[in-house]
Protein backbone atom coordinates (compact mmCIF):
# COMPACT_ATOMS: atom_id res chain seq x y z
CA MET A 1 -15.32 47.83 77.25
CA ARG A 2 -13.73 44.40 78.45
CA LYS A 3 -11.65 42.46 76.08
CA PRO A 4 -12.18 39.13 74.95
CA ASN A 5 -10.39 36.27 76.65
CA GLN A 6 -7.70 35.19 73.77
CA THR A 7 -8.01 31.61 75.14
CA VAL A 8 -11.92 31.79 74.66
CA VAL A 9 -11.50 33.14 71.17
CA ALA A 10 -9.02 30.70 70.46
CA MET A 11 -11.60 27.78 71.34
CA ILE A 12 -14.28 29.13 69.16
CA PHE A 13 -12.30 29.46 66.24
CA VAL A 14 -10.82 25.87 66.36
CA ALA A 15 -14.44 24.88 66.89
CA VAL A 16 -15.68 26.86 63.98
CA VAL A 17 -12.90 25.13 61.61
CA LEU A 18 -13.71 21.89 63.57
CA ALA A 19 -17.24 22.13 62.19
CA VAL A 20 -16.54 23.52 59.01
CA ALA A 21 -14.34 20.67 58.40
CA THR A 22 -16.68 17.75 59.61
CA TYR A 23 -19.31 19.29 57.07
CA THR A 24 -16.80 19.54 53.92
CA LEU A 25 -16.01 15.56 54.80
CA VAL A 26 -19.22 14.55 55.42
CA THR A 27 -21.05 16.26 52.26
CA SER A 28 -17.61 14.74 50.33
CA ARG A 29 -18.30 11.48 51.32
CA ALA A 30 -22.04 11.69 50.72
CA ALA A 31 -21.55 12.75 47.53
CA THR A 32 -18.72 10.13 46.64
CA ARG A 33 -21.58 7.81 47.82
CA ASN A 34 -24.33 9.38 45.35
CA ASP A 35 -21.99 9.29 42.56
CA ILE A 36 -20.88 5.54 43.08
CA GLY A 37 -24.51 4.81 43.45
CA ALA A 38 -25.21 6.54 40.23
CA VAL A 39 -23.15 4.28 37.99
CA THR A 40 -25.23 1.36 37.05
CA THR A 41 -23.24 0.31 34.05
CA PRO A 42 -19.63 -0.86 34.63
CA LYS A 43 -17.32 0.17 31.86
CA TYR A 44 -15.54 -3.44 31.94
CA ILE A 45 -17.11 -6.45 33.31
CA PHE A 46 -15.31 -9.75 33.51
CA ILE A 47 -17.35 -13.30 33.59
CA PHE A 48 -15.01 -15.90 35.20
CA LEU A 49 -16.57 -19.36 34.96
CA ALA A 50 -15.20 -22.35 36.56
CA ASP A 51 -16.97 -25.00 34.40
CA GLY A 52 -18.27 -28.02 36.70
CA ALA A 53 -16.33 -26.30 40.01
CA GLY A 54 -18.65 -26.73 42.82
CA ILE A 55 -17.94 -25.13 46.25
CA ALA A 56 -15.59 -28.34 47.20
CA HIS A 57 -13.79 -28.13 43.94
CA MET A 58 -12.61 -24.44 45.13
CA GLU A 59 -12.07 -25.30 48.85
CA ILE A 60 -10.07 -27.84 47.94
CA THR A 61 -7.60 -25.79 45.58
CA ARG A 62 -7.70 -23.32 48.69
CA GLN A 63 -6.42 -25.97 50.98
CA TYR A 64 -3.79 -27.04 48.55
CA ASN A 65 -2.60 -23.80 48.08
CA ARG A 66 -2.24 -22.89 51.45
CA SER A 67 -0.36 -26.28 52.39
CA ILE A 68 1.95 -26.86 49.50
CA HIS A 69 2.67 -23.38 48.31
CA ASN A 70 1.78 -21.27 51.35
CA GLU A 71 -0.43 -18.99 48.74
CA GLY A 72 -3.90 -17.78 49.15
CA LEU A 73 -7.03 -18.01 46.57
CA VAL A 74 -7.91 -14.67 44.55
CA VAL A 75 -11.50 -15.74 44.46
CA THR A 76 -11.73 -16.29 48.31
CA ASP A 77 -9.05 -13.81 49.80
CA LYS A 78 -9.91 -11.09 47.28
CA ILE A 79 -13.23 -10.73 45.04
CA ILE A 80 -14.95 -12.47 48.08
CA LYS A 81 -13.67 -10.71 50.86
CA GLU A 82 -13.80 -7.57 49.42
CA GLY A 83 -17.21 -7.56 47.45
CA SER A 84 -20.08 -9.88 47.68
CA LEU A 85 -20.83 -13.52 48.08
CA GLY A 86 -24.03 -15.59 46.24
CA LEU A 87 -25.32 -19.01 46.15
CA MET A 88 -27.07 -20.00 42.92
CA THR A 89 -29.27 -22.84 42.13
CA THR A 90 -28.50 -24.50 38.72
CA HIS A 91 -31.38 -27.01 37.70
CA ALA A 92 -32.50 -27.12 34.14
CA ALA A 93 -36.13 -26.25 32.65
CA ASP A 94 -36.44 -30.17 32.46
CA SER A 95 -34.13 -31.79 34.84
CA LEU A 96 -32.84 -31.49 38.52
CA SER A 97 -29.58 -31.26 37.41
CA THR A 98 -28.23 -29.51 34.12
CA ASP A 99 -25.48 -29.37 31.37
CA SER A 100 -23.33 -26.41 30.65
CA ALA A 101 -26.16 -25.18 27.77
CA ALA A 102 -29.13 -25.09 29.71
CA ALA A 103 -26.84 -23.52 32.66
CA ALA A 104 -25.04 -21.07 30.37
CA THR A 105 -28.15 -19.97 28.59
CA ALA A 106 -29.60 -18.96 32.01
CA LEU A 107 -26.48 -17.14 32.79
CA ALA A 108 -26.25 -15.33 29.48
CA SER A 109 -30.20 -14.73 28.63
CA GLY A 110 -31.82 -14.94 32.05
CA CYS A 111 -34.15 -17.77 31.18
CA LYS A 112 -34.54 -21.00 32.47
CA ALA A 113 -33.53 -23.90 29.46
CA LYS A 114 -34.16 -27.53 28.51
CA ILE A 115 -30.82 -29.44 28.51
CA GLY A 116 -28.76 -29.10 25.14
CA ALA A 117 -30.59 -25.69 24.03
CA LEU A 118 -28.58 -22.50 23.81
CA GLY A 119 -29.71 -19.00 23.93
CA ILE A 120 -33.42 -20.74 23.79
CA CYS A 121 -36.14 -20.63 26.68
CA ALA A 122 -37.93 -23.24 27.68
CA ASP A 123 -41.02 -21.37 26.51
CA GLY A 124 -39.55 -21.12 22.88
CA SER A 125 -38.44 -17.44 23.28
CA VAL A 126 -35.11 -15.85 22.47
CA PRO A 127 -34.11 -13.11 24.27
CA LYS A 128 -30.92 -11.37 23.53
CA THR A 129 -28.15 -12.48 25.38
CA VAL A 130 -25.39 -10.28 27.63
CA MET A 131 -23.35 -10.19 24.98
CA GLU A 132 -25.89 -8.85 22.33
CA LEU A 133 -27.15 -6.10 24.65
CA ALA A 134 -23.19 -5.33 25.24
CA LYS A 135 -22.60 -5.21 21.40
CA GLU A 136 -25.51 -2.82 20.98
CA ARG A 137 -23.89 -0.47 23.33
CA ASP A 138 -20.77 -0.59 21.57
CA LEU A 139 -18.81 -2.36 23.91
CA ARG A 140 -16.02 -4.76 22.82
CA LEU A 141 -16.65 -8.49 23.10
CA GLY A 142 -14.29 -11.07 24.22
CA LEU A 143 -14.51 -14.92 24.65
CA VAL A 144 -11.39 -17.19 26.02
CA THR A 145 -11.91 -20.62 26.89
CA ASN A 146 -9.70 -23.95 27.17
CA SER A 147 -12.18 -25.82 25.74
CA THR A 148 -13.30 -25.78 21.90
CA ILE A 149 -14.66 -22.47 21.19
CA TYR A 150 -17.61 -23.82 20.18
CA ASP A 151 -18.38 -25.63 23.19
CA ALA A 152 -22.07 -25.01 25.06
CA SER A 153 -20.60 -22.16 27.46
CA PRO A 154 -18.86 -19.40 25.74
CA ALA A 155 -21.44 -20.25 22.70
CA ALA A 156 -24.59 -19.45 24.74
CA PHE A 157 -23.56 -15.78 25.20
CA VAL A 158 -23.65 -15.67 21.30
CA CYS A 159 -25.54 -18.22 20.18
CA HIS A 160 -29.44 -19.18 19.70
CA VAL A 161 -29.89 -22.80 18.67
CA PRO A 162 -31.89 -26.03 19.72
CA SER A 163 -28.85 -27.98 20.24
CA ARG A 164 -25.43 -27.42 21.49
CA ARG A 165 -24.22 -29.96 18.76
CA ASP A 166 -24.79 -27.68 15.77
CA TYR A 167 -21.29 -26.86 15.67
CA ASN A 168 -21.50 -25.22 12.32
CA ALA A 169 -23.91 -23.19 13.61
CA ILE A 170 -22.57 -21.73 16.36
CA VAL A 171 -19.00 -20.94 14.60
CA ASN A 172 -21.18 -19.30 11.54
CA ARG A 173 -22.93 -17.40 14.48
CA TYR A 174 -19.06 -16.08 15.63
CA LEU A 175 -18.31 -14.81 12.20
CA GLU A 176 -21.52 -12.94 11.73
CA MET A 177 -21.48 -11.34 15.26
CA GLU A 178 -18.00 -10.45 15.45
CA PRO A 179 -16.86 -10.62 18.92
CA ASP A 180 -13.48 -8.71 18.76
CA ILE A 181 -11.59 -11.48 21.00
CA ILE A 182 -11.59 -14.97 20.15
CA LEU A 183 -9.37 -17.33 22.31
CA GLY A 184 -9.59 -21.21 22.78
CA GLY A 185 -9.42 -24.70 21.33
CA GLY A 186 -11.42 -26.48 18.37
CA ARG A 187 -9.57 -25.43 15.11
CA ASN A 188 -11.18 -28.57 13.72
CA GLN A 189 -14.64 -26.77 13.35
CA PHE A 190 -12.98 -23.80 11.33
CA LEU A 191 -11.50 -26.09 8.71
CA PRO A 192 -12.82 -26.78 5.44
CA LYS A 193 -14.17 -30.60 5.15
CA GLY A 194 -11.62 -31.77 2.45
CA GLN A 195 -8.89 -30.40 5.01
CA PRO A 196 -7.22 -33.06 7.37
CA GLY A 197 -8.49 -32.71 11.00
CA SER A 198 -11.58 -30.93 9.76
CA ARG A 199 -14.74 -31.78 11.69
CA ARG A 200 -17.05 -29.44 9.46
CA SER A 201 -19.56 -30.57 7.42
CA ASP A 202 -19.06 -28.46 4.47
CA GLU A 203 -15.82 -26.89 2.45
CA ARG A 204 -16.12 -23.50 4.06
CA ASP A 205 -12.97 -22.32 5.55
CA ILE A 206 -13.88 -20.25 8.57
CA ILE A 207 -10.37 -18.85 9.38
CA ALA A 208 -10.03 -17.45 5.78
CA ALA A 209 -13.41 -15.84 6.51
CA PHE A 210 -12.03 -14.36 9.80
CA THR A 211 -8.96 -12.62 8.03
CA GLU A 212 -11.07 -11.37 5.65
CA LYS A 213 -13.21 -9.62 8.30
CA LYS A 214 -9.64 -7.97 9.46
CA TYR A 215 -9.10 -10.21 12.11
CA LEU A 216 -5.19 -11.69 13.28
CA TYR A 217 -5.32 -15.21 13.48
CA VAL A 218 -2.69 -16.86 15.58
CA SER A 219 -2.16 -20.64 16.80
CA ASN A 220 0.37 -21.03 19.54
CA LYS A 221 1.41 -19.10 22.85
CA LYS A 222 4.34 -16.91 21.14
CA GLU A 223 1.86 -15.80 18.48
CA LEU A 224 -0.76 -14.47 20.78
CA GLU A 225 2.10 -12.77 22.99
CA GLN A 226 3.27 -10.67 20.01
CA ALA A 227 -0.55 -9.93 18.62
CA ARG A 228 -1.84 -6.46 18.24
CA GLY A 229 -4.96 -4.89 16.60
CA ARG A 230 -8.37 -4.94 17.47
CA LYS A 231 -9.88 -8.17 16.52
CA VAL A 232 -7.91 -11.75 16.90
CA LEU A 233 -9.01 -15.44 16.24
CA GLY A 234 -6.74 -17.87 18.39
CA LEU A 235 -6.95 -21.49 18.20
CA PHE A 236 -4.69 -23.37 20.01
CA SER A 237 -5.50 -26.93 19.42
CA PRO A 238 -7.71 -28.88 17.20
CA ALA A 239 -9.89 -29.98 20.11
CA ASP A 240 -9.77 -29.19 23.53
CA MET A 241 -6.61 -27.68 24.92
CA SER A 242 -4.63 -29.38 27.43
CA PHE A 243 -4.99 -30.05 31.23
CA GLU A 244 -2.05 -28.32 33.10
CA LEU A 245 -0.46 -31.32 34.12
CA ASP A 246 0.07 -31.94 30.28
CA ARG A 247 0.40 -28.60 28.49
CA ASP A 248 3.76 -27.77 26.87
CA ARG A 249 4.18 -24.45 28.41
CA GLU A 250 6.52 -23.41 25.19
CA THR A 251 3.80 -23.39 22.57
CA GLU A 252 0.38 -23.58 24.16
CA PRO A 253 -1.20 -20.95 26.29
CA SER A 254 -2.98 -21.22 29.82
CA ILE A 255 -5.78 -19.40 30.64
CA TYR A 256 -3.86 -17.22 32.39
CA ASP A 257 -2.24 -16.37 28.77
CA MET A 258 -5.13 -15.90 27.09
CA THR A 259 -6.93 -13.71 29.85
CA ARG A 260 -3.72 -11.56 30.00
CA ALA A 261 -3.87 -11.01 26.15
CA ALA A 262 -7.39 -10.67 25.97
CA ILE A 263 -7.56 -7.82 28.69
CA ARG A 264 -4.48 -6.12 26.76
CA LEU A 265 -6.35 -6.49 23.34
CA LEU A 266 -9.72 -4.92 24.46
CA ASN A 267 -8.27 -2.48 26.45
CA ASP A 268 -5.92 -1.14 23.84
CA LYS A 269 -7.37 2.48 22.60
CA ASN A 270 -10.86 1.48 23.81
CA PRO A 271 -12.95 4.72 25.56
CA ARG A 272 -16.19 2.41 25.65
CA GLY A 273 -15.26 -0.65 27.50
CA PHE A 274 -15.69 -4.42 26.93
CA VAL A 275 -17.62 -7.56 28.45
CA LEU A 276 -15.33 -10.40 28.71
CA PHE A 277 -16.21 -13.91 29.30
CA ILE A 278 -13.19 -16.37 30.67
CA GLU A 279 -14.15 -20.17 31.04
CA ASN A 280 -11.74 -22.62 32.51
CA GLU A 281 -13.70 -26.27 31.20
CA ASN A 282 -10.78 -27.80 32.45
CA VAL A 283 -12.15 -28.51 35.68
CA ASP A 284 -15.24 -29.81 34.68
CA SER A 285 -13.27 -32.43 32.27
CA ALA A 286 -10.92 -33.32 35.03
CA ALA A 287 -13.98 -34.07 37.38
CA HIS A 288 -15.80 -36.21 34.66
CA LEU A 289 -12.75 -38.47 34.70
CA THR A 290 -12.25 -38.42 38.78
CA ASP A 291 -9.08 -36.36 38.68
CA VAL A 292 -8.44 -34.72 41.17
CA ALA A 293 -4.81 -33.32 40.43
CA SER A 294 -6.12 -32.04 37.57
CA VAL A 295 -8.67 -30.14 38.77
CA ILE A 296 -6.64 -28.68 41.57
CA ARG A 297 -4.11 -27.35 38.96
CA ASP A 298 -6.50 -26.52 36.59
CA TYR A 299 -8.61 -24.42 39.24
CA ARG A 300 -5.50 -22.74 40.77
CA GLU A 301 -4.62 -21.71 36.92
CA PHE A 302 -8.04 -20.09 36.61
CA ASP A 303 -7.31 -18.21 40.16
CA ARG A 304 -4.38 -16.77 38.75
CA ALA A 305 -6.34 -15.59 35.77
CA VAL A 306 -9.10 -14.01 38.11
CA GLY A 307 -6.33 -11.86 39.68
CA LEU A 308 -5.30 -10.53 36.64
CA ALA A 309 -8.76 -9.12 36.49
CA TYR A 310 -8.68 -7.70 40.09
CA GLU A 311 -5.46 -6.31 39.31
CA PHE A 312 -7.32 -3.92 36.70
CA TYR A 313 -10.03 -3.68 38.80
CA LYS A 314 -7.24 -1.98 41.25
CA LYS A 315 -6.51 0.26 38.63
CA TYR A 316 -10.42 1.07 37.71
CA PRO A 317 -12.35 0.59 40.78
CA ARG A 318 -15.03 2.94 39.82
CA ASP A 319 -15.86 1.40 36.33
CA THR A 320 -15.16 -2.27 36.86
CA LEU A 321 -17.49 -5.69 37.58
CA ILE A 322 -15.90 -8.90 38.34
CA LEU A 323 -18.06 -12.06 38.56
CA VAL A 324 -16.98 -15.46 39.51
CA THR A 325 -19.02 -18.14 39.13
CA SER A 326 -19.60 -22.03 37.72
CA ASP A 327 -22.36 -23.49 36.01
CA HIS A 328 -22.97 -26.56 37.90
CA ASP A 329 -20.70 -28.96 40.04
CA THR A 330 -19.40 -31.86 38.31
CA GLY A 331 -18.43 -34.86 40.88
CA GLY A 332 -19.62 -34.23 44.09
CA LEU A 333 -16.00 -34.18 45.20
CA GLY A 334 -14.97 -33.93 48.90
CA PHE A 335 -12.60 -34.96 51.56
CA THR A 336 -14.17 -37.62 53.76
CA LEU A 337 -13.34 -40.08 56.36
CA ALA A 338 -13.30 -43.51 55.15
CA LEU A 339 -12.43 -47.34 56.37
CA LYS A 340 -9.02 -48.32 54.98
CA ASP A 341 -10.40 -51.70 54.23
CA PHE A 342 -13.51 -53.88 54.74
CA SER A 343 -11.98 -55.71 57.96
CA SER A 344 -13.34 -53.66 60.35
CA THR A 345 -15.39 -50.49 61.22
CA ARG A 346 -13.46 -49.47 64.26
CA GLY A 347 -11.72 -46.16 64.28
CA SER A 348 -8.57 -47.85 64.24
CA ASN A 349 -9.52 -48.63 60.69
CA GLN A 350 -10.96 -45.50 59.49
CA ALA A 351 -8.58 -42.41 57.78
CA ALA A 352 -9.52 -38.79 57.13
CA GLY A 353 -7.92 -36.84 55.01
CA THR A 354 -5.05 -34.85 56.31
CA VAL A 355 -2.32 -32.09 54.45
CA GLU A 356 -0.27 -35.61 53.76
CA ASP A 357 -2.84 -36.49 50.92
CA LEU A 358 -2.44 -33.00 49.45
CA LYS A 359 0.93 -33.94 49.36
CA LYS A 360 0.47 -36.95 47.83
CA ILE A 361 -2.02 -35.35 45.06
CA HIS A 362 1.01 -32.68 44.51
CA SER A 363 3.40 -35.74 43.42
CA ILE A 364 1.06 -36.84 40.45
CA ASN A 365 2.79 -35.52 37.38
CA ILE A 366 0.05 -36.54 34.60
CA SER A 367 -3.42 -36.09 34.10
CA LEU A 368 -5.61 -39.25 33.90
CA ARG A 369 -6.74 -38.41 30.54
CA ARG A 370 -2.95 -38.74 29.55
CA ALA A 371 -2.56 -42.02 31.96
CA ALA A 372 -5.39 -43.61 29.94
CA GLU A 373 -3.79 -42.88 26.62
CA ILE A 374 -0.61 -44.49 27.69
CA LEU A 375 -2.31 -47.66 28.80
CA GLY A 376 -4.45 -47.50 25.47
CA PRO A 377 -7.77 -49.04 24.94
CA GLN A 378 -6.63 -52.96 25.96
CA PRO A 379 -4.46 -52.19 29.10
CA THR A 380 -2.54 -54.81 30.29
CA SER A 381 -1.62 -56.06 33.94
CA GLU A 382 1.98 -55.39 33.07
CA SER A 383 1.55 -52.02 31.58
CA ILE A 384 -0.75 -50.98 34.58
CA ASP A 385 2.12 -52.04 36.74
CA LYS A 386 4.62 -50.13 35.26
CA LEU A 387 2.32 -47.08 34.96
CA MET A 388 1.77 -47.11 38.67
CA GLN A 389 5.49 -47.03 39.14
CA GLU A 390 6.12 -44.16 36.97
CA HIS A 391 3.27 -41.77 37.53
CA PHE A 392 1.56 -42.85 41.07
CA SER A 393 4.65 -43.82 43.31
CA GLY A 394 3.38 -44.07 46.66
CA PHE A 395 0.04 -45.16 45.78
CA THR A 396 -1.58 -48.59 46.51
CA LEU A 397 -3.91 -50.27 43.63
CA ALA A 398 -6.63 -52.09 45.26
CA PRO A 399 -7.04 -55.21 42.82
CA GLU A 400 -10.84 -54.51 42.14
CA TYR A 401 -9.90 -51.14 40.26
CA LYS A 402 -7.24 -52.99 38.29
CA GLU A 403 -9.69 -55.47 37.23
CA ALA A 404 -11.83 -52.93 36.07
CA MET A 405 -9.22 -51.67 33.99
CA LEU A 406 -8.21 -54.69 32.42
CA LYS A 407 -12.27 -55.69 31.97
CA ARG A 408 -13.34 -52.28 31.15
CA GLN A 409 -16.28 -52.05 33.46
CA PRO A 410 -17.73 -49.01 35.32
CA VAL A 411 -16.30 -48.86 38.70
CA SER A 412 -20.23 -48.21 39.84
CA ARG A 413 -23.41 -47.07 39.19
CA THR A 414 -22.73 -43.46 39.46
CA ILE A 415 -19.05 -43.44 38.45
CA PHE A 416 -18.88 -44.97 34.94
CA LEU A 417 -17.40 -42.48 32.15
CA ASN A 418 -14.17 -43.93 31.55
CA SER A 419 -13.24 -47.10 33.11
CA THR A 420 -9.47 -46.62 33.20
CA THR A 421 -9.52 -42.90 34.31
CA ASN A 422 -12.39 -43.76 37.19
CA ALA A 423 -10.45 -46.81 38.46
CA LEU A 424 -7.40 -44.70 38.78
CA GLY A 425 -9.15 -41.77 40.24
CA MET A 426 -10.82 -44.26 43.01
CA MET A 427 -7.53 -45.46 43.59
CA ILE A 428 -6.13 -41.96 44.16
CA ALA A 429 -9.52 -41.69 46.59
CA ASN A 430 -8.59 -44.61 48.63
CA ASN A 431 -5.00 -43.37 48.95
CA THR A 432 -5.85 -39.74 49.91
CA GLN A 433 -9.87 -39.76 51.04
CA ALA A 434 -10.82 -37.30 48.30
CA TYR A 435 -13.90 -38.90 46.94
CA TRP A 436 -16.55 -38.59 44.21
CA LEU A 437 -20.20 -39.08 44.24
CA THR A 438 -20.53 -39.47 40.55
CA THR A 439 -18.61 -38.59 37.05
CA SER A 440 -21.68 -36.51 35.99
CA HIS A 441 -23.51 -33.07 37.38
CA THR A 442 -25.06 -32.84 40.69
CA ASN A 443 -27.79 -30.46 41.23
CA GLN A 444 -25.63 -28.76 44.29
CA PRO A 445 -25.85 -24.89 44.10
CA VAL A 446 -22.57 -22.96 43.04
CA LEU A 447 -21.07 -19.71 44.57
CA VAL A 448 -20.91 -16.23 43.26
CA GLY A 449 -18.25 -13.90 44.22
CA ALA A 450 -18.53 -10.50 42.95
CA LEU A 451 -16.66 -7.29 43.33
CA GLY A 452 -17.17 -3.73 41.95
CA ILE A 453 -19.67 -1.78 40.53
CA GLY A 454 -23.36 -3.59 40.79
CA ALA A 455 -21.47 -6.55 42.99
CA GLU A 456 -23.64 -6.13 45.81
CA ARG A 457 -26.82 -6.81 43.18
CA PHE A 458 -25.32 -10.68 43.37
CA LYS A 459 -25.65 -11.23 47.18
CA GLY A 460 -27.82 -14.06 48.77
CA TYR A 461 -29.76 -17.10 47.22
CA TYR A 462 -31.21 -17.22 43.97
CA ASP A 463 -31.38 -19.22 40.56
CA ASN A 464 -29.06 -19.09 37.69
CA ALA A 465 -32.09 -17.55 35.66
CA ASP A 466 -31.64 -14.61 37.57
CA PHE A 467 -28.06 -13.96 37.56
CA GLY A 468 -28.69 -13.75 33.85
CA LYS A 469 -31.67 -11.26 34.52
CA ILE A 470 -29.30 -9.02 37.19
CA LEU A 471 -26.39 -8.85 34.53
CA LYS A 472 -28.51 -7.90 31.76
CA SER A 473 -29.90 -5.18 33.93
CA ILE A 474 -26.59 -4.04 34.70
CA ILE A 475 -25.61 -3.60 31.12
CA GLU A 476 -28.84 -1.55 30.67
CA GLY A 477 -28.52 0.67 32.92
CA LYS A 478 -31.61 -0.52 34.90
CA LYS A 479 -31.37 -0.50 38.80
CA SER A 480 -33.84 -4.10 39.04
CA PRO A 481 -34.24 -7.03 35.99
């Protein structure tokens, strides 16, 4: 009998080994895909909201980061690039533009609401919110904002009240529901009526009520860094917290600092998971004031906070969902081509925004809110000139904007919120070509960046109420709303 050729035998052996290895690899990958597909409820959910931030706010910050700091942007370079991108409409039930209450109600409850309403749908129904569903599933809850903690956006995830201005009811609801971590401004609604600085309408001491429920109360950056325990109430300002341009970095935490503390506290000895809502209200506040420098600095800090969640995701990629979005656009901001003056419409009298204009914006060292405080309610020509010399070196103030500040007149029909800040904002626009459409909200869609378990469900073009429905279905472990 002829012996088999050794070369042939070797080739057959190699072929068999390769076939087995290929089968094992394919089945392993398929199993992995099936396992991932079966995970419909992430253990950790981050909801980042840059209040008032349209796509232009983000893009201008991205260009600023790249040009001034040679850095990228986590939202675009990590969350969107590695995850999913959606566009979301923002109108309210009774208006083509929205306010934060109606918008946040859509995000948190999955229904259209009327202007000013929190957690109540336009048809009068009161659905459970994202956080109420999460609490039923024994997930820990966190609310973080640099606005007042009782402001519309965080409140919509917990409360059901006809008016966003019913601050007593909102704070009382927090006390009733007991989110594990509550960090932000707004101490004035937690103090009894008779105490200096209080804005409550009764004598109830809400801070004391929280401490009776085993909350640790902290009031500055150092205390927050040292905080330990399951429940923490942090109130770092009587009202809104500071813009980044004005913040005392030794005493007042930023949105990054609060996010870092919230992640640490929520994840400590927590086998169940958490839902953490993080809002940067300062982008919206700055846009209302036509303050492009503050918009950029605060969005940049917001992006750093998103970076913390991204680092967390890299540790727990099979258990984490990160969502980054906004409730609406404020201001209609954008770099554009503009006339230098009204002497001619020729190209030689036109200017477009450049990197040099970003450098001018970078040179601004105070917020426009602070500038208005320096000038006071009755600015003089001399005080305005001094302000320009000390804080806006290299900028030119057009006579019409100086007159608007002196006479306390609106800049235009759509730019009217604050005569001083808006005149300064248009002065900056004239010098940098970063112009504003309005001091209010627009109906522009906003982006949704999603990364992690369930991120693919946030692709496409949809309404903000659909965002809420999708998120609620994910928490409930359902495949569709």
